[in-house]
């Protein structure tokens, strides 16, 4: 399931579906964004998925 559908869930439903709390997920996304944007860009095809997905 894509994040666009999951972000409309309540925090209890989000945890039931993913196994982690919504606040934990948002913290993980921030960490991954920092790592992703600080990394060297490689040539090639861009990803079709967002960081959240």
PDB file of N, CA and C in Angstrom:
ATOM      1  N   UNK A   1       0.846  -1.164   0.000  1.00  0.00           N
ATOM      2  CA  UNK A   1       0.000   0.000   0.000  1.00  0.00           C
ATOM      3  C   UNK A   1       0.900   1.238   0.000  1.00  0.00           C
ATOM      4  N   UNK A   2       0.532   2.227  -0.753  1.00  0.00           N
ATOM      5  CA  UNK A   2       1.296   3.472  -0.837  1.00  0.00           C
ATOM      6  C   UNK A   2       1.028   4.356   0.380  1.00  0.00           C
ATOM      7  N   UNK A   3       1.981   5.229   0.658  1.00  0.00           N
ATOM      8  CA  UNK A   3       1.889   6.118   1.810  1.00  0.00           C
ATOM      9  C   UNK A   3       0.717   7.082   1.689  1.00  0.00           C
ATOM     10  N   UNK A   4       0.338   7.440   0.478  1.00  0.00           N
ATOM     11  CA  UNK A   4      -0.781   8.368   0.277  1.00  0.00           C
ATOM     12  C   UNK A   4      -2.057   7.847   0.944  1.00  0.00           C
ATOM     13  N   UNK A   5      -2.284   6.552   0.919  1.00  0.00           N
ATOM     14  CA  UNK A   5      -3.462   5.975   1.572  1.00  0.00           C
ATOM     15  C   UNK A   5      -3.249   5.828   3.072  1.00  0.00           C
ATOM     16  N   UNK A   6      -1.999   5.496   3.472  1.00  0.00           N
ATOM     17  CA  UNK A   6      -1.715   5.274   4.887  1.00  0.00           C
ATOM     18  C   UNK A   6      -1.755   6.550   5.708  1.00  0.00           C
ATOM     19  N   UNK A   7      -1.431   7.696   5.112  1.00  0.00           N
ATOM     20  CA  UNK A   7      -1.366   8.922   5.900  1.00  0.00           C
ATOM     21  C   UNK A   7      -2.737   9.382   6.385  1.00  0.00           C
ATOM     22  N   UNK A   8      -3.807   8.858   5.813  1.00  0.00           N
ATOM     23  CA  UNK A   8      -5.158   9.206   6.240  1.00  0.00           C
ATOM     24  C   UNK A   8      -5.658   8.328   7.389  1.00  0.00           C
ATOM     25  N   UNK A   9      -4.898   7.283   7.741  1.00  0.00           N
ATOM     26  CA  UNK A   9      -5.291   6.392   8.824  1.00  0.00           C
ATOM     27  C   UNK A   9      -5.053   7.066  10.171  1.00  0.00           C
ATOM     28  N   UNK A  10      -5.789   6.627  11.179  1.00  0.00           N
ATOM     29  CA  UNK A  10      -5.509   7.089  12.546  1.00  0.00           C
ATOM     30  C   UNK A  10      -4.213   6.420  13.006  1.00  0.00           C
ATOM     31  N   UNK A  11      -3.660   6.900  14.113  1.00  0.00           N
ATOM     32  CA  UNK A  11      -2.386   6.347  14.572  1.00  0.00           C
ATOM     33  C   UNK A  11      -2.525   4.873  14.967  1.00  0.00           C
ATOM     34  N   UNK A  12      -3.681   4.493  15.509  1.00  0.00           N
ATOM     35  CA  UNK A  12      -3.905   3.088  15.862  1.00  0.00           C
ATOM     36  C   UNK A  12      -3.979   2.205  14.617  1.00  0.00           C
ATOM     37  N   UNK A  13      -4.698   2.669  13.591  1.00  0.00           N
ATOM     38  CA  UNK A  13      -4.798   1.898  12.348  1.00  0.00           C
ATOM     39  C   UNK A  13      -3.453   1.812  11.643  1.00  0.00           C
ATOM     40  N   UNK A  14      -2.683   2.902  11.683  1.00  0.00           N
ATOM     41  CA  UNK A  14      -1.365   2.923  11.060  1.00  0.00           C
ATOM     42  C   UNK A  14      -0.462   1.879  11.719  1.00  0.00           C
ATOM     43  N   UNK A  15      -0.481   1.830  13.049  1.00  0.00           N
ATOM     44  CA  UNK A  15       0.341   0.853  13.764  1.00  0.00           C
ATOM     45  C   UNK A  15      -0.127  -0.566  13.468  1.00  0.00           C
ATOM     46  N   UNK A  16      -1.415  -0.784  13.413  1.00  0.00           N
ATOM     47  CA  UNK A  16      -1.948  -2.115  13.130  1.00  0.00           C
ATOM     48  C   UNK A  16      -1.508  -2.586  11.741  1.00  0.00           C
ATOM     49  N   UNK A  17      -1.470  -1.681  10.774  1.00  0.00           N
ATOM     50  CA  UNK A  17      -1.137  -2.059   9.405  1.00  0.00           C
ATOM     51  C   UNK A  17       0.368  -2.202   9.196  1.00  0.00           C
ATOM     52  N   UNK A  18       1.175  -1.286   9.784  1.00  0.00           N
ATOM     53  CA  UNK A  18       2.613  -1.280   9.511  1.00  0.00           C
ATOM     54  C   UNK A  18       3.450  -1.939  10.597  1.00  0.00           C
ATOM     55  N   UNK A  19       2.987  -1.924  11.838  1.00  0.00           N
ATOM     56  CA  UNK A  19       3.744  -2.504  12.932  1.00  0.00           C
ATOM     57  C   UNK A  19       4.555  -1.491  13.714  1.00  0.00           C
ATOM     58  N   UNK A  20       4.585  -0.234  13.272  1.00  0.00           N
ATOM     59  CA  UNK A  20       5.289   0.821  14.013  1.00  0.00           C
ATOM     60  C   UNK A  20       4.363   2.015  14.187  1.00  0.00           C
ATOM     61  N   UNK A  21       4.674   2.841  15.190  1.00  0.00           N
ATOM     62  CA  UNK A  21       3.861   4.029  15.438  1.00  0.00           C
ATOM     63  C   UNK A  21       4.083   5.054  14.332  1.00  0.00           C
ATOM     64  N   UNK A  22       3.105   5.913  14.136  1.00  0.00           N
ATOM     65  CA  UNK A  22       3.190   6.955  13.116  1.00  0.00           C
ATOM     66  C   UNK A  22       4.332   7.919  13.418  1.00  0.00           C
ATOM     67  N   UNK A  23       4.534   8.274  14.674  1.00  0.00           N
ATOM     68  CA  UNK A  23       5.616   9.198  15.026  1.00  0.00           C
ATOM     69  C   UNK A  23       6.979   8.574  14.760  1.00  0.00           C
ATOM     70  N   UNK A  24       7.113   7.271  15.008  1.00  0.00           N
ATOM     71  CA  UNK A  24       8.363   6.572  14.711  1.00  0.00           C
ATOM     72  C   UNK A  24       8.617   6.560  13.217  1.00  0.00           C
ATOM     73  N   UNK A  25       7.584   6.330  12.440  1.00  0.00           N
ATOM     74  CA  UNK A  25       7.709   6.324  10.987  1.00  0.00           C
ATOM     75  C   UNK A  25       8.153   7.685  10.473  1.00  0.00           C
ATOM     76  N   UNK A  26       7.570   8.748  10.996  1.00  0.00           N
ATOM     77  CA  UNK A  26       7.933  10.093  10.560  1.00  0.00           C
ATOM     78  C   UNK A  26       9.385  10.411  10.918  1.00  0.00           C
ATOM     79  N   UNK A  27       9.855   9.943  12.065  1.00  0.00           N
ATOM     80  CA  UNK A  27      11.259  10.126  12.451  1.00  0.00           C
ATOM     81  C   UNK A  27      12.177   9.376  11.503  1.00  0.00           C
ATOM     82  N   UNK A  28      11.817   8.150  11.156  1.00  0.00           N
ATOM     83  CA  UNK A  28      12.617   7.362  10.219  1.00  0.00           C
ATOM     84  C   UNK A  28      12.680   8.015   8.841  1.00  0.00           C
ATOM     85  N   UNK A  29      11.579   8.591   8.400  1.00  0.00           N
ATOM     86  CA  UNK A  29      11.550   9.263   7.101  1.00  0.00           C
ATOM     87  C   UNK A  29      12.503  10.454   7.098  1.00  0.00           C
ATOM     88  N   UNK A  30      12.529  11.223   8.187  1.00  0.00           N
ATOM     89  CA  UNK A  30      13.434  12.365   8.278  1.00  0.00           C
ATOM     90  C   UNK A  30      14.889  11.924   8.203  1.00  0.00           C
ATOM     91  N   UNK A  31      15.226  10.831   8.882  1.00  0.00           N
ATOM     92  CA  UNK A  31      16.594  10.315   8.861  1.00  0.00           C
ATOM     93  C   UNK A  31      16.977   9.856   7.459  1.00  0.00           C
ATOM     94  N   UNK A  32      16.087   9.132   6.803  1.00  0.00           N
ATOM     95  CA  UNK A  32      16.372   8.639   5.452  1.00  0.00           C
ATOM     96  C   UNK A  32      16.491   9.795   4.463  1.00  0.00           C
ATOM     97  N   UNK A  33      15.652  10.819   4.605  1.00  0.00           N
ATOM     98  CA  UNK A  33      15.748  11.985   3.722  1.00  0.00           C
ATOM     99  C   UNK A  33      17.113  12.651   3.859  1.00  0.00           C
ATOM    100  N   UNK A  34      17.588  12.819   5.103  1.00  0.00           N
ATOM    101  CA  UNK A  34      18.898  13.430   5.311  1.00  0.00           C
ATOM    102  C   UNK A  34      20.002  12.601   4.663  1.00  0.00           C
ATOM    103  N   UNK A  35      19.950  11.286   4.819  1.00  0.00           N
ATOM    104  CA  UNK A  35      20.956  10.424   4.216  1.00  0.00           C
ATOM    105  C   UNK A  35      20.865  10.435   2.701  1.00  0.00           C
ATOM    106  N   UNK A  36      19.661  10.435   2.177  1.00  0.00           N
ATOM    107  CA  UNK A  36      19.457  10.380   0.729  1.00  0.00           C
ATOM    108  C   UNK A  36      19.954  11.652   0.044  1.00  0.00           C
ATOM    109  N   UNK A  37      19.672  12.808   0.620  1.00  0.00           N
ATOM    110  CA  UNK A  37      20.047  14.055  -0.027  1.00  0.00           C
ATOM    111  C   UNK A  37      21.517  14.421   0.184  1.00  0.00           C
ATOM    112  N   UNK A  38      22.166  13.824   1.193  1.00  0.00           N
ATOM    113  CA  UNK A  38      23.583  14.067   1.411  1.00  0.00           C
ATOM    114  C   UNK A  38      24.467  13.115   0.612  1.00  0.00           C
ATOM    115  N   UNK A  39      23.862  12.096   0.029  1.00  0.00           N
ATOM    116  CA  UNK A  39      24.583  11.103  -0.747  1.00  0.00           C
ATOM    117  C   UNK A  39      24.869  11.644  -2.144  1.00  0.00           C
ATOM    118  N   UNK A  40      25.958  11.186  -2.751  1.00  0.00           N
ATOM    119  CA  UNK A  40      26.268  11.586  -4.122  1.00  0.00           C
ATOM    120  C   UNK A  40      25.178  11.090  -5.057  1.00  0.00           C
ATOM    121  N   UNK A  41      24.858  11.896  -6.016  1.00  0.00           N
ATOM    122  CA  UNK A  41      23.877  11.489  -7.021  1.00  0.00           C
ATOM    123  C   UNK A  41      24.557  10.570  -8.026  1.00  0.00           C
ATOM    124  N   UNK A  42      23.924   9.469  -8.312  1.00  0.00           N
ATOM    125  CA  UNK A  42      24.434   8.536  -9.313  1.00  0.00           C
ATOM    126  C   UNK A  42      23.668   8.765 -10.606  1.00  0.00           C
ATOM    127  N   UNK A  43      24.346   8.530 -11.696  1.00  0.00           N
ATOM    128  CA  UNK A  43      23.651   8.635 -12.968  1.00  0.00           C
ATOM    129  C   UNK A  43      22.762   7.410 -13.129  1.00  0.00           C
ATOM    130  N   UNK A  44      21.782   7.546 -13.953  1.00  0.00           N
ATOM    131  CA  UNK A  44      20.879   6.423 -14.176  1.00  0.00           C
ATOM    132  C   UNK A  44      19.437   6.842 -14.040  1.00  0.00           C
ATOM    133  N   UNK A  45      18.622   5.869 -14.006  1.00  0.00           N
ATOM    134  CA  UNK A  45      17.187   6.104 -13.962  1.00  0.00           C
ATOM    135  C   UNK A  45      16.740   6.507 -12.561  1.00  0.00           C
ATOM    136  N   UNK A  46      15.920   7.549 -12.443  1.00  0.00           N
ATOM    137  CA  UNK A  46      15.437   7.938 -11.111  1.00  0.00           C
ATOM    138  C   UNK A  46      14.402   6.937 -10.588  1.00  0.00           C
ATOM    139  N   UNK A  47      14.289   6.894  -9.276  1.00  0.00           N
ATOM    140  CA  UNK A  47      13.373   5.967  -8.628  1.00  0.00           C
ATOM    141  C   UNK A  47      11.928   6.399  -8.851  1.00  0.00           C
ATOM    142  N   UNK A  48      11.047   5.427  -8.980  1.00  0.00           N
ATOM    143  CA  UNK A  48       9.619   5.692  -9.134  1.00  0.00           C
ATOM    144  C   UNK A  48       8.930   5.862  -7.784  1.00  0.00           C
ATOM    145  N   UNK A  49       9.563   5.379  -6.715  1.00  0.00           N
ATOM    146  CA  UNK A  49       8.959   5.433  -5.393  1.00  0.00           C
ATOM    147  C   UNK A  49       9.423   6.662  -4.628  1.00  0.00           C
ATOM    148  N   UNK A  50       8.552   7.152  -3.752  1.00  0.00           N
ATOM    149  CA  UNK A  50       8.939   8.241  -2.876  1.00  0.00           C
ATOM    150  C   UNK A  50       9.692   7.656  -1.684  1.00  0.00           C
ATOM    151  N   UNK A  51      10.288   8.496  -0.881  1.00  0.00           N
ATOM    152  CA  UNK A  51      11.021   8.031   0.284  1.00  0.00           C
ATOM    153  C   UNK A  51      10.096   7.321   1.257  1.00  0.00           C
ATOM    154  N   UNK A  52       8.881   7.818   1.413  1.00  0.00           N
ATOM    155  CA  UNK A  52       7.928   7.197   2.326  1.00  0.00           C
ATOM    156  C   UNK A  52       7.549   5.794   1.884  1.00  0.00           C
ATOM    157  N   UNK A  53       7.445   5.569   0.601  1.00  0.00           N
ATOM    158  CA  UNK A  53       7.055   4.258   0.086  1.00  0.00           C
ATOM    159  C   UNK A  53       8.234   3.303   0.190  1.00  0.00           C
TER     160      UNK A  53
END
